[in-house]
Amino acid sequence: MNKGELINAVASRADVTKKQAEAVINATTETIMEAVAGDDKVTLVGFGSFEARDRKAREGRNPKTREKMIIPATKVPAFSAGKDFKEKVAPKD
C-alpha cells in the first residue's frame, strides 16, 4: 500500500474527504518525525512506538576499492510494533 492508497482507505473508513484524510496523515507523520528528531519517543498504544536510536561507529569497506573505512556513529529512526499490531500480523492459534 502506498501513500495514495492509504489516504483513500482512511477517507473511506473515516467517512471524510480525501483532502481531509491527506491533511491528517501528513500532519501525523510530520509530528512524529519532528518529535523523534527532537529525541522524544512517540508511543501509540497497541500500534507501536517510534524513537531515535544511536548507532555506534563501525568498520566497513568501500564496495569499489574494498578499502577499509570507518563508518561514523549516527542516530537512526526505529519503530517497535505494539502487541495488538504483532497479533494482527501473526495471530496466535
PDB file of N, CA and C in Angstrom:
ATOM      1  N   MET A   1       0.852  -1.174   0.000  1.00  0.00           N
ATOM      2  CA  MET A   1       0.000   0.000   0.000  1.00  0.00           C
ATOM      3  C   MET A   1       0.895   1.233   0.000  1.00  0.00           C
ATOM      4  N   ASN A   2       0.633   2.136  -0.929  1.00  0.00           N
ATOM      5  CA  ASN A   2       1.391   3.383  -0.949  1.00  0.00           C
ATOM      6  C   ASN A   2       0.584   4.494  -0.270  1.00  0.00           C
ATOM      7  N   LYS A   3       1.149   5.694  -0.235  1.00  0.00           N
ATOM      8  CA  LYS A   3       0.500   6.795   0.485  1.00  0.00           C
ATOM      9  C   LYS A   3      -0.882   7.131  -0.101  1.00  0.00           C
ATOM     10  N   GLY A   4      -0.990   7.124  -1.409  1.00  0.00           N
ATOM     11  CA  GLY A   4      -2.279   7.423  -2.048  1.00  0.00           C
ATOM     12  C   GLY A   4      -3.350   6.411  -1.674  1.00  0.00           C
ATOM     13  N   GLU A   5      -2.964   5.142  -1.653  1.00  0.00           N
ATOM     14  CA  GLU A   5      -3.908   4.094  -1.272  1.00  0.00           C
ATOM     15  C   GLU A   5      -4.287   4.206   0.199  1.00  0.00           C
ATOM     16  N   LEU A   6      -3.320   4.588   1.035  1.00  0.00           N
ATOM     17  CA  LEU A   6      -3.604   4.796   2.458  1.00  0.00           C
ATOM     18  C   LEU A   6      -4.596   5.945   2.641  1.00  0.00           C
ATOM     19  N   ILE A   7      -4.386   7.019   1.927  1.00  0.00           N
ATOM     20  CA  ILE A   7      -5.304   8.169   2.001  1.00  0.00           C
ATOM     21  C   ILE A   7      -6.709   7.748   1.596  1.00  0.00           C
ATOM     22  N   ASN A   8      -6.838   6.996   0.511  1.00  0.00           N
ATOM     23  CA  ASN A   8      -8.154   6.522   0.065  1.00  0.00           C
ATOM     24  C   ASN A   8      -8.810   5.636   1.117  1.00  0.00           C
ATOM     25  N   ALA A   9      -8.041   4.734   1.721  1.00  0.00           N
ATOM     26  CA  ALA A   9      -8.586   3.822   2.730  1.00  0.00           C
ATOM     27  C   ALA A   9      -9.037   4.577   3.974  1.00  0.00           C
ATOM     28  N   VAL A  10      -8.235   5.540   4.415  1.00  0.00           N
ATOM     29  CA  VAL A  10      -8.592   6.324   5.601  1.00  0.00           C
ATOM     30  C   VAL A  10      -9.822   7.183   5.315  1.00  0.00           C
ATOM     31  N   ALA A  11      -9.864   7.799   4.147  1.00  0.00           N
ATOM     32  CA  ALA A  11     -11.019   8.632   3.778  1.00  0.00           C
ATOM     33  C   ALA A  11     -12.294   7.803   3.772  1.00  0.00           C
ATOM     34  N   SER A  12     -12.212   6.613   3.221  1.00  0.00           N
ATOM     35  CA  SER A  12     -13.373   5.734   3.154  1.00  0.00           C
ATOM     36  C   SER A  12     -13.812   5.268   4.542  1.00  0.00           C
ATOM     37  N   ARG A  13     -12.833   4.826   5.341  1.00  0.00           N
ATOM     38  CA  ARG A  13     -13.147   4.285   6.670  1.00  0.00           C
ATOM     39  C   ARG A  13     -13.650   5.365   7.629  1.00  0.00           C
ATOM     40  N   ALA A  14     -13.087   6.581   7.543  1.00  0.00           N
ATOM     41  CA  ALA A  14     -13.459   7.659   8.464  1.00  0.00           C
ATOM     42  C   ALA A  14     -14.596   8.520   7.919  1.00  0.00           C
ATOM     43  N   ASP A  15     -15.042   8.224   6.699  1.00  0.00           N
ATOM     44  CA  ASP A  15     -16.125   8.979   6.058  1.00  0.00           C
ATOM     45  C   ASP A  15     -15.800  10.471   5.992  1.00  0.00           C
ATOM     46  N   VAL A  16     -14.584  10.771   5.488  1.00  0.00           N
ATOM     47  CA  VAL A  16     -14.145  12.157   5.272  1.00  0.00           C
ATOM     48  C   VAL A  16     -13.649  12.258   3.835  1.00  0.00           C
ATOM     49  N   THR A  17     -13.377  13.469   3.388  1.00  0.00           N
ATOM     50  CA  THR A  17     -12.877  13.646   2.025  1.00  0.00           C
ATOM     51  C   THR A  17     -11.416  13.195   1.961  1.00  0.00           C
ATOM     52  N   LYS A  18     -10.964  12.943   0.745  1.00  0.00           N
ATOM     53  CA  LYS A  18      -9.568  12.540   0.548  1.00  0.00           C
ATOM     54  C   LYS A  18      -8.623  13.663   0.968  1.00  0.00           C
ATOM     55  N   LYS A  19      -9.028  14.894   0.732  1.00  0.00           N
ATOM     56  CA  LYS A  19      -8.207  16.039   1.117  1.00  0.00           C
ATOM     57  C   LYS A  19      -8.056  16.119   2.640  1.00  0.00           C
ATOM     58  N   GLN A  20      -9.142  15.879   3.348  1.00  0.00           N
ATOM     59  CA  GLN A  20      -9.091  15.895   4.812  1.00  0.00           C
ATOM     60  C   GLN A  20      -8.233  14.745   5.331  1.00  0.00           C
ATOM     61  N   ALA A  21      -8.390  13.570   4.753  1.00  0.00           N
ATOM     62  CA  ALA A  21      -7.601  12.411   5.167  1.00  0.00           C
ATOM     63  C   ALA A  21      -6.118  12.659   4.904  1.00  0.00           C
ATOM     64  N   GLU A  22      -5.793  13.241   3.751  1.00  0.00           N
ATOM     65  CA  GLU A  22      -4.393  13.535   3.431  1.00  0.00           C
ATOM     66  C   GLU A  22      -3.805  14.542   4.420  1.00  0.00           C
ATOM     67  N   ALA A  23      -4.582  15.564   4.773  1.00  0.00           N
ATOM     68  CA  ALA A  23      -4.102  16.571   5.723  1.00  0.00           C
ATOM     69  C   ALA A  23      -3.805  15.946   7.082  1.00  0.00           C
ATOM     70  N   VAL A  24      -4.668  15.043   7.534  1.00  0.00           N
ATOM     71  CA  VAL A  24      -4.472  14.381   8.828  1.00  0.00           C
ATOM     72  C   VAL A  24      -3.260  13.451   8.789  1.00  0.00           C
ATOM     73  N   ILE A  25      -3.128  12.684   7.727  1.00  0.00           N
ATOM     74  CA  ILE A  25      -1.991  11.764   7.599  1.00  0.00           C
ATOM     75  C   ILE A  25      -0.681  12.545   7.536  1.00  0.00           C
ATOM     76  N   ASN A  26      -0.643  13.617   6.742  1.00  0.00           N
ATOM     77  CA  ASN A  26       0.562  14.445   6.648  1.00  0.00           C
ATOM     78  C   ASN A  26       0.914  15.067   7.990  1.00  0.00           C
ATOM     79  N   ALA A  27      -0.084  15.600   8.687  1.00  0.00           N
ATOM     80  CA  ALA A  27       0.160  16.217   9.988  1.00  0.00           C
ATOM     81  C   ALA A  27       0.674  15.183  10.992  1.00  0.00           C
ATOM     82  N   THR A  28       0.107  13.981  10.949  1.00  0.00           N
ATOM     83  CA  THR A  28       0.525  12.916  11.857  1.00  0.00           C
ATOM     84  C   THR A  28       1.979  12.521  11.615  1.00  0.00           C
ATOM     85  N   THR A  29       2.310  12.249  10.363  1.00  0.00           N
ATOM     86  CA  THR A  29       3.678  11.809  10.057  1.00  0.00           C
ATOM     87  C   THR A  29       4.695  12.911  10.343  1.00  0.00           C
ATOM     88  N   GLU A  30       4.377  14.149  10.007  1.00  0.00           N
ATOM     89  CA  GLU A  30       5.290  15.257  10.279  1.00  0.00           C
ATOM     90  C   GLU A  30       5.501  15.442  11.778  1.00  0.00           C
ATOM     91  N   THR A  31       4.433  15.324  12.557  1.00  0.00           N
ATOM     92  CA  THR A  31       4.536  15.468  14.009  1.00  0.00           C
ATOM     93  C   THR A  31       5.390  14.360  14.607  1.00  0.00           C
ATOM     94  N   ILE A  32       5.210  13.136  14.140  1.00  0.00           N
ATOM     95  CA  ILE A  32       6.018  12.008  14.628  1.00  0.00           C
ATOM     96  C   ILE A  32       7.487  12.226  14.272  1.00  0.00           C
ATOM     97  N   MET A  33       7.772  12.623  13.030  1.00  0.00           N
ATOM     98  CA  MET A  33       9.162  12.851  12.608  1.00  0.00           C
ATOM     99  C   MET A  33       9.822  13.964  13.421  1.00  0.00           C
ATOM    100  N   GLU A  34       9.098  15.049  13.654  1.00  0.00           N
ATOM    101  CA  GLU A  34       9.651  16.161  14.436  1.00  0.00           C
ATOM    102  C   GLU A  34       9.932  15.731  15.877  1.00  0.00           C
ATOM    103  N   ALA A  35       9.026  14.968  16.463  1.00  0.00           N
ATOM    104  CA  ALA A  35       9.211  14.510  17.843  1.00  0.00           C
ATOM    105  C   ALA A  35      10.416  13.584  17.956  1.00  0.00           C
ATOM    106  N   VAL A  36      10.528  12.633  17.040  1.00  0.00           N
ATOM    107  CA  VAL A  36      11.650  11.683  17.079  1.00  0.00           C
ATOM    108  C   VAL A  36      12.966  12.406  16.800  1.00  0.00           C
ATOM    109  N   ALA A  37      12.958  13.371  15.879  1.00  0.00           N
ATOM    110  CA  ALA A  37      14.161  14.152  15.592  1.00  0.00           C
ATOM    111  C   ALA A  37      14.590  14.957  16.813  1.00  0.00           C
ATOM    112  N   GLY A  38      13.626  15.312  17.658  1.00  0.00           N
ATOM    113  CA  GLY A  38      13.910  16.054  18.887  1.00  0.00           C
ATOM    114  C   GLY A  38      14.184  15.145  20.071  1.00  0.00           C
ATOM    115  N   ASP A  39      14.479  13.874  19.820  1.00  0.00           N
ATOM    116  CA  ASP A  39      14.808  12.877  20.849  1.00  0.00           C
ATOM    117  C   ASP A  39      13.636  12.488  21.744  1.00  0.00           C
ATOM    118  N   ASP A  40      12.425  12.699  21.283  1.00  0.00           N
ATOM    119  CA  ASP A  40      11.249  12.226  22.012  1.00  0.00           C
ATOM    120  C   ASP A  40      10.866  10.845  21.489  1.00  0.00           C
ATOM    121  N   LYS A  41      10.204  10.067  22.325  1.00  0.00           N
ATOM    122  CA  LYS A  41       9.677   8.770  21.912  1.00  0.00           C
ATOM    123  C   LYS A  41       8.172   8.943  21.729  1.00  0.00           C
ATOM    124  N   VAL A  42       7.648   8.476  20.620  1.00  0.00           N
ATOM    125  CA  VAL A  42       6.215   8.567  20.336  1.00  0.00           C
ATOM    126  C   VAL A  42       5.630   7.165  20.465  1.00  0.00           C
ATOM    127  N   THR A  43       4.680   6.996  21.391  1.00  0.00           N
ATOM    128  CA  THR A  43       4.066   5.696  21.615  1.00  0.00           C
ATOM    129  C   THR A  43       2.579   5.765  21.300  1.00  0.00           C
ATOM    130  N   LEU A  44       2.151   4.891  20.411  1.00  0.00           N
ATOM    131  CA  LEU A  44       0.739   4.757  20.082  1.00  0.00           C
ATOM    132  C   LEU A  44       0.330   3.380  20.605  1.00  0.00           C
ATOM    133  N   VAL A  45      -0.342   3.351  21.741  1.00  0.00           N
ATOM    134  CA  VAL A  45      -0.664   2.100  22.426  1.00  0.00           C
ATOM    135  C   VAL A  45      -1.376   1.140  21.483  1.00  0.00           C
ATOM    136  N   GLY A  46      -0.867  -0.078  21.427  1.00  0.00           N
ATOM    137  CA  GLY A  46      -1.430  -1.099  20.557  1.00  0.00           C
ATOM    138  C   GLY A  46      -0.813  -1.121  19.176  1.00  0.00           C
ATOM    139  N   PHE A  47      -0.377   0.047  18.684  1.00  0.00           N
ATOM    140  CA  PHE A  47       0.214   0.128  17.350  1.00  0.00           C
ATOM    141  C   PHE A  47       1.724  -0.037  17.413  1.00  0.00           C
ATOM    142  N   GLY A  48       2.390   0.795  18.206  1.00  0.00           N
ATOM    143  CA  GLY A  48       3.836   0.702  18.327  1.00  0.00           C
ATOM    144  C   GLY A  48       4.447   2.001  18.780  1.00  0.00           C
ATOM    145  N   SER A  49       5.776   2.041  18.787  1.00  0.00           N
ATOM    146  CA  SER A  49       6.474   3.243  19.213  1.00  0.00           C
ATOM    147  C   SER A  49       7.589   3.594  18.244  1.00  0.00           C
ATOM    148  N   PHE A  50       7.811   4.885  18.105  1.00  0.00           N
ATOM    149  CA  PHE A  50       8.848   5.436  17.248  1.00  0.00           C
ATOM    150  C   PHE A  50       9.868   6.120  18.144  1.00  0.00           C
ATOM    151  N   GLU A  51      11.159   5.916  17.859  1.00  0.00           N
ATOM    152  CA  GLU A  51      12.193   6.570  18.651  1.00  0.00           C
ATOM    153  C   GLU A  51      13.470   6.664  17.830  1.00  0.00           C
ATOM    154  N   ALA A  52      14.396   7.488  18.308  1.00  0.00           N
ATOM    155  CA  ALA A  52      15.714   7.581  17.697  1.00  0.00           C
ATOM    156  C   ALA A  52      16.653   6.679  18.483  1.00  0.00           C
ATOM    157  N   ARG A  53      17.475   5.927  17.773  1.00  0.00           N
ATOM    158  CA  ARG A  53      18.447   5.050  18.429  1.00  0.00           C
ATOM    159  C   ARG A  53      19.843   5.419  17.950  1.00  0.00           C
ATOM    160  N   ASP A  54      20.808   5.279  18.849  1.00  0.00           N
ATOM    161  CA  ASP A  54      22.197   5.550  18.493  1.00  0.00           C
ATOM    162  C   ASP A  54      22.799   4.333  17.814  1.00  0.00           C
ATOM    163  N   ARG A  55      23.474   4.569  16.718  1.00  0.00           N
ATOM    164  CA  ARG A  55      24.206   3.509  16.026  1.00  0.00           C
ATOM    165  C   ARG A  55      25.688   3.809  16.222  1.00  0.00           C
ATOM    166  N   LYS A  56      26.425   2.847  16.746  1.00  0.00           N
ATOM    167  CA  LYS A  56      27.852   3.033  17.020  1.00  0.00           C
ATOM    168  C   LYS A  56      28.645   3.131  15.726  1.00  0.00           C
ATOM    169  N   ALA A  57      29.821   3.744  15.850  1.00  0.00           N
ATOM    170  CA  ALA A  57      30.745   3.768  14.719  1.00  0.00           C
ATOM    171  C   ALA A  57      31.193   2.334  14.454  1.00  0.00           C
ATOM    172  N   ARG A  58      31.443   2.030  13.186  1.00  0.00           N
ATOM    173  CA  ARG A  58      31.856   0.674  12.864  1.00  0.00           C
ATOM    174  C   ARG A  58      32.751   0.689  11.633  1.00  0.00           C
ATOM    175  N   GLU A  59      33.423  -0.424  11.437  1.00  0.00           N
ATOM    176  CA  GLU A  59      34.311  -0.543  10.292  1.00  0.00           C
ATOM    177  C   GLU A  59      33.535  -1.104   9.107  1.00  0.00           C
ATOM    178  N   GLY A  60      33.778  -0.530   7.956  1.00  0.00           N
ATOM    179  CA  GLY A  60      33.145  -1.008   6.747  1.00  0.00           C
ATOM    180  C   GLY A  60      34.145  -1.056   5.618  1.00  0.00           C
ATOM    181  N   ARG A  61      33.687  -1.365   4.427  1.00  0.00           N
ATOM    182  CA  ARG A  61      34.567  -1.411   3.255  1.00  0.00           C
ATOM    183  C   ARG A  61      33.925  -0.646   2.106  1.00  0.00           C
ATOM    184  N   ASN A  62      34.759   0.057   1.371  1.00  0.00           N
ATOM    185  CA  ASN A  62      34.313   0.721   0.164  1.00  0.00           C
ATOM    186  C   ASN A  62      34.035  -0.378  -0.863  1.00  0.00           C
ATOM    187  N   PRO A  63      32.822  -0.493  -1.380  1.00  0.00           N
ATOM    188  CA  PRO A  63      32.496  -1.592  -2.286  1.00  0.00           C
ATOM    189  C   PRO A  63      33.303  -1.573  -3.601  1.00  0.00           C
ATOM    190  N   LYS A  64      33.741  -0.403  -4.030  1.00  0.00           N
ATOM    191  CA  LYS A  64      34.507  -0.328  -5.285  1.00  0.00           C
ATOM    192  C   LYS A  64      35.962  -0.731  -5.082  1.00  0.00           C
ATOM    193  N   THR A  65      36.584  -0.161  -4.039  1.00  0.00           N
ATOM    194  CA  THR A  65      38.021  -0.377  -3.850  1.00  0.00           C
ATOM    195  C   THR A  65      38.334  -1.457  -2.821  1.00  0.00           C
ATOM    196  N   ARG A  66      37.323  -1.904  -2.081  1.00  0.00           N
ATOM    197  CA  ARG A  66      37.488  -2.877  -0.994  1.00  0.00           C
ATOM    198  C   ARG A  66      38.367  -2.330   0.135  1.00  0.00           C
ATOM    199  N   GLU A  67      38.606  -1.035   0.128  1.00  0.00           N
ATOM    200  CA  GLU A  67      39.426  -0.385   1.146  1.00  0.00           C
ATOM    201  C   GLU A  67      38.633  -0.246   2.443  1.00  0.00           C
ATOM    202  N   LYS A  68      39.293  -0.514   3.580  1.00  0.00           N
ATOM    203  CA  LYS A  68      38.636  -0.381   4.876  1.00  0.00           C
ATOM    204  C   LYS A  68      38.379   1.092   5.168  1.00  0.00           C
ATOM    205  N   MET A  69      37.259   1.343   5.847  1.00  0.00           N
ATOM    206  CA  MET A  69      36.920   2.709   6.241  1.00  0.00           C
ATOM    207  C   MET A  69      36.097   2.662   7.511  1.00  0.00           C
ATOM    208  N   ILE A  70      36.058   3.768   8.228  1.00  0.00           N
ATOM    209  CA  ILE A  70      35.263   3.862   9.449  1.00  0.00           C
ATOM    210  C   ILE A  70      33.946   4.557   9.111  1.00  0.00           C
ATOM    211  N   ILE A  71      32.854   3.906   9.436  1.00  0.00           N
ATOM    212  CA  ILE A  71      31.525   4.493   9.262  1.00  0.00           C
ATOM    213  C   ILE A  71      31.204   5.187  10.586  1.00  0.00           C
ATOM    214  N   PRO A  72      30.985   6.503  10.580  1.00  0.00           N
ATOM    215  CA  PRO A  72      30.802   7.236  11.834  1.00  0.00           C
ATOM    216  C   PRO A  72      29.508   6.874  12.571  1.00  0.00           C
ATOM    217  N   ALA A  73      29.507   7.138  13.874  1.00  0.00           N
ATOM    218  CA  ALA A  73      28.308   6.937  14.692  1.00  0.00           C
ATOM    219  C   ALA A  73      27.225   7.899  14.223  1.00  0.00           C
ATOM    220  N   THR A  74      25.982   7.482  14.368  1.00  0.00           N
ATOM    221  CA  THR A  74      24.859   8.326  13.950  1.00  0.00           C
ATOM    222  C   THR A  74      23.601   7.914  14.703  1.00  0.00           C
ATOM    223  N   LYS A  75      22.555   8.685  14.528  1.00  0.00           N
ATOM    224  CA  LYS A  75      21.238   8.332  15.077  1.00  0.00           C
ATOM    225  C   LYS A  75      20.371   7.852  13.934  1.00  0.00           C
ATOM    226  N   VAL A  76      19.561   6.844  14.211  1.00  0.00           N
ATOM    227  CA  VAL A  76      18.656   6.314  13.196  1.00  0.00           C
ATOM    228  C   VAL A  76      17.248   6.205  13.781  1.00  0.00           C
ATOM    229  N   PRO A  77      16.221   6.403  12.947  1.00  0.00           N
ATOM    230  CA  PRO A  77      14.860   6.211  13.439  1.00  0.00           C
ATOM    231  C   PRO A  77      14.563   4.723  13.591  1.00  0.00           C
ATOM    232  N   ALA A  78      13.755   4.394  14.596  1.00  0.00           N
ATOM    233  CA  ALA A  78      13.402   2.990  14.831  1.00  0.00           C
ATOM    234  C   ALA A  78      11.926   2.891  15.187  1.00  0.00           C
ATOM    235  N   PHE A  79      11.318   1.774  14.781  1.00  0.00           N
ATOM    236  CA  PHE A  79       9.920   1.503  15.092  1.00  0.00           C
ATOM    237  C   PHE A  79       9.830   0.146  15.754  1.00  0.00           C
ATOM    238  N   SER A  80       9.103   0.074  16.846  1.00  0.00           N
ATOM    239  CA  SER A  80       8.840  -1.201  17.513  1.00  0.00           C
ATOM    240  C   SER A  80       7.337  -1.429  17.489  1.00  0.00           C
ATOM    241  N   ALA A  81       6.918  -2.537  16.919  1.00  0.00           N
ATOM    242  CA  ALA A  81       5.485  -2.839  16.815  1.00  0.00           C
ATOM    243  C   ALA A  81       4.907  -3.144  18.190  1.00  0.00           C
ATOM    244  N   GLY A  82       3.685  -2.694  18.424  1.00  0.00           N
ATOM    245  CA  GLY A  82       2.977  -2.957  19.672  1.00  0.00           C
ATOM    246  C   GLY A  82       2.325  -4.328  19.660  1.00  0.00           C
ATOM    247  N   LYS A  83       1.829  -4.715  20.804  1.00  0.00           N
ATOM    248  CA  LYS A  83       1.240  -6.044  20.983  1.00  0.00           C
ATOM    249  C   LYS A  83       0.082  -6.302  20.008  1.00  0.00           C
ATOM    250  N   ASP A  84      -0.858  -5.365  19.906  1.00  0.00           N
ATOM    251  CA  ASP A  84      -2.008  -5.554  19.014  1.00  0.00           C
ATOM    252  C   ASP A  84      -1.568  -5.692  17.555  1.00  0.00           C
ATOM    253  N   PHE A  85      -0.589  -4.887  17.153  1.00  0.00           N
ATOM    254  CA  PHE A  85      -0.078  -4.924  15.785  1.00  0.00           C
ATOM    255  C   PHE A  85       0.565  -6.283  15.510  1.00  0.00           C
ATOM    256  N   LYS A  86       1.386  -6.753  16.428  1.00  0.00           N
ATOM    257  CA  LYS A  86       2.049  -8.058  16.271  1.00  0.00           C
ATOM    258  C   LYS A  86       1.026  -9.184  16.163  1.00  0.00           C
ATOM    259  N   GLU A  87       0.000  -9.131  17.002  1.00  0.00           N
ATOM    260  CA  GLU A  87      -1.019 -10.186  16.980  1.00  0.00           C
ATOM    261  C   GLU A  87      -1.851 -10.144  15.703  1.00  0.00           C
ATOM    262  N   LYS A  88      -2.044  -8.947  15.134  1.00  0.00           N
ATOM    263  CA  LYS A  88      -2.797  -8.819  13.893  1.00  0.00           C
ATOM    264  C   LYS A  88      -2.011  -9.436  12.726  1.00  0.00           C
ATOM    265  N   VAL A  89      -0.687  -9.228  12.751  1.00  0.00           N
ATOM    266  CA  VAL A  89       0.166  -9.745  11.676  1.00  0.00           C
ATOM    267  C   VAL A  89       0.370 -11.262  11.812  1.00  0.00           C
ATOM    268  N   ALA A  90       0.615 -11.706  13.032  1.00  0.00           N
ATOM    269  CA  ALA A  90       0.877 -13.137  13.277  1.00  0.00           C
ATOM    270  C   ALA A  90      -0.043 -13.624  14.394  1.00  0.00           C
ATOM    271  N   PRO A  91      -1.307 -13.918  14.063  1.00  0.00           N
ATOM    272  CA  PRO A  91      -2.249 -14.343  15.096  1.00  0.00           C
ATOM    273  C   PRO A  91      -1.816 -15.657  15.754  1.00  0.00           C
ATOM    274  N   LYS A  92      -2.044 -15.734  17.057  1.00  0.00           N
ATOM    275  CA  LYS A  92      -1.741 -16.951  17.791  1.00  0.00           C
ATOM    276  C   LYS A  92      -2.956 -17.870  17.727  1.00  0.00           C
ATOM    277  N   ASP A  93      -2.709 -19.138  17.541  1.00  0.00           N
ATOM    278  CA  ASP A  93      -3.805 -20.108  17.433  1.00  0.00           C
ATOM    279  C   ASP A  93      -4.425 -20.425  18.767  1.00  0.00           C
TER     280      ASP A  93
END
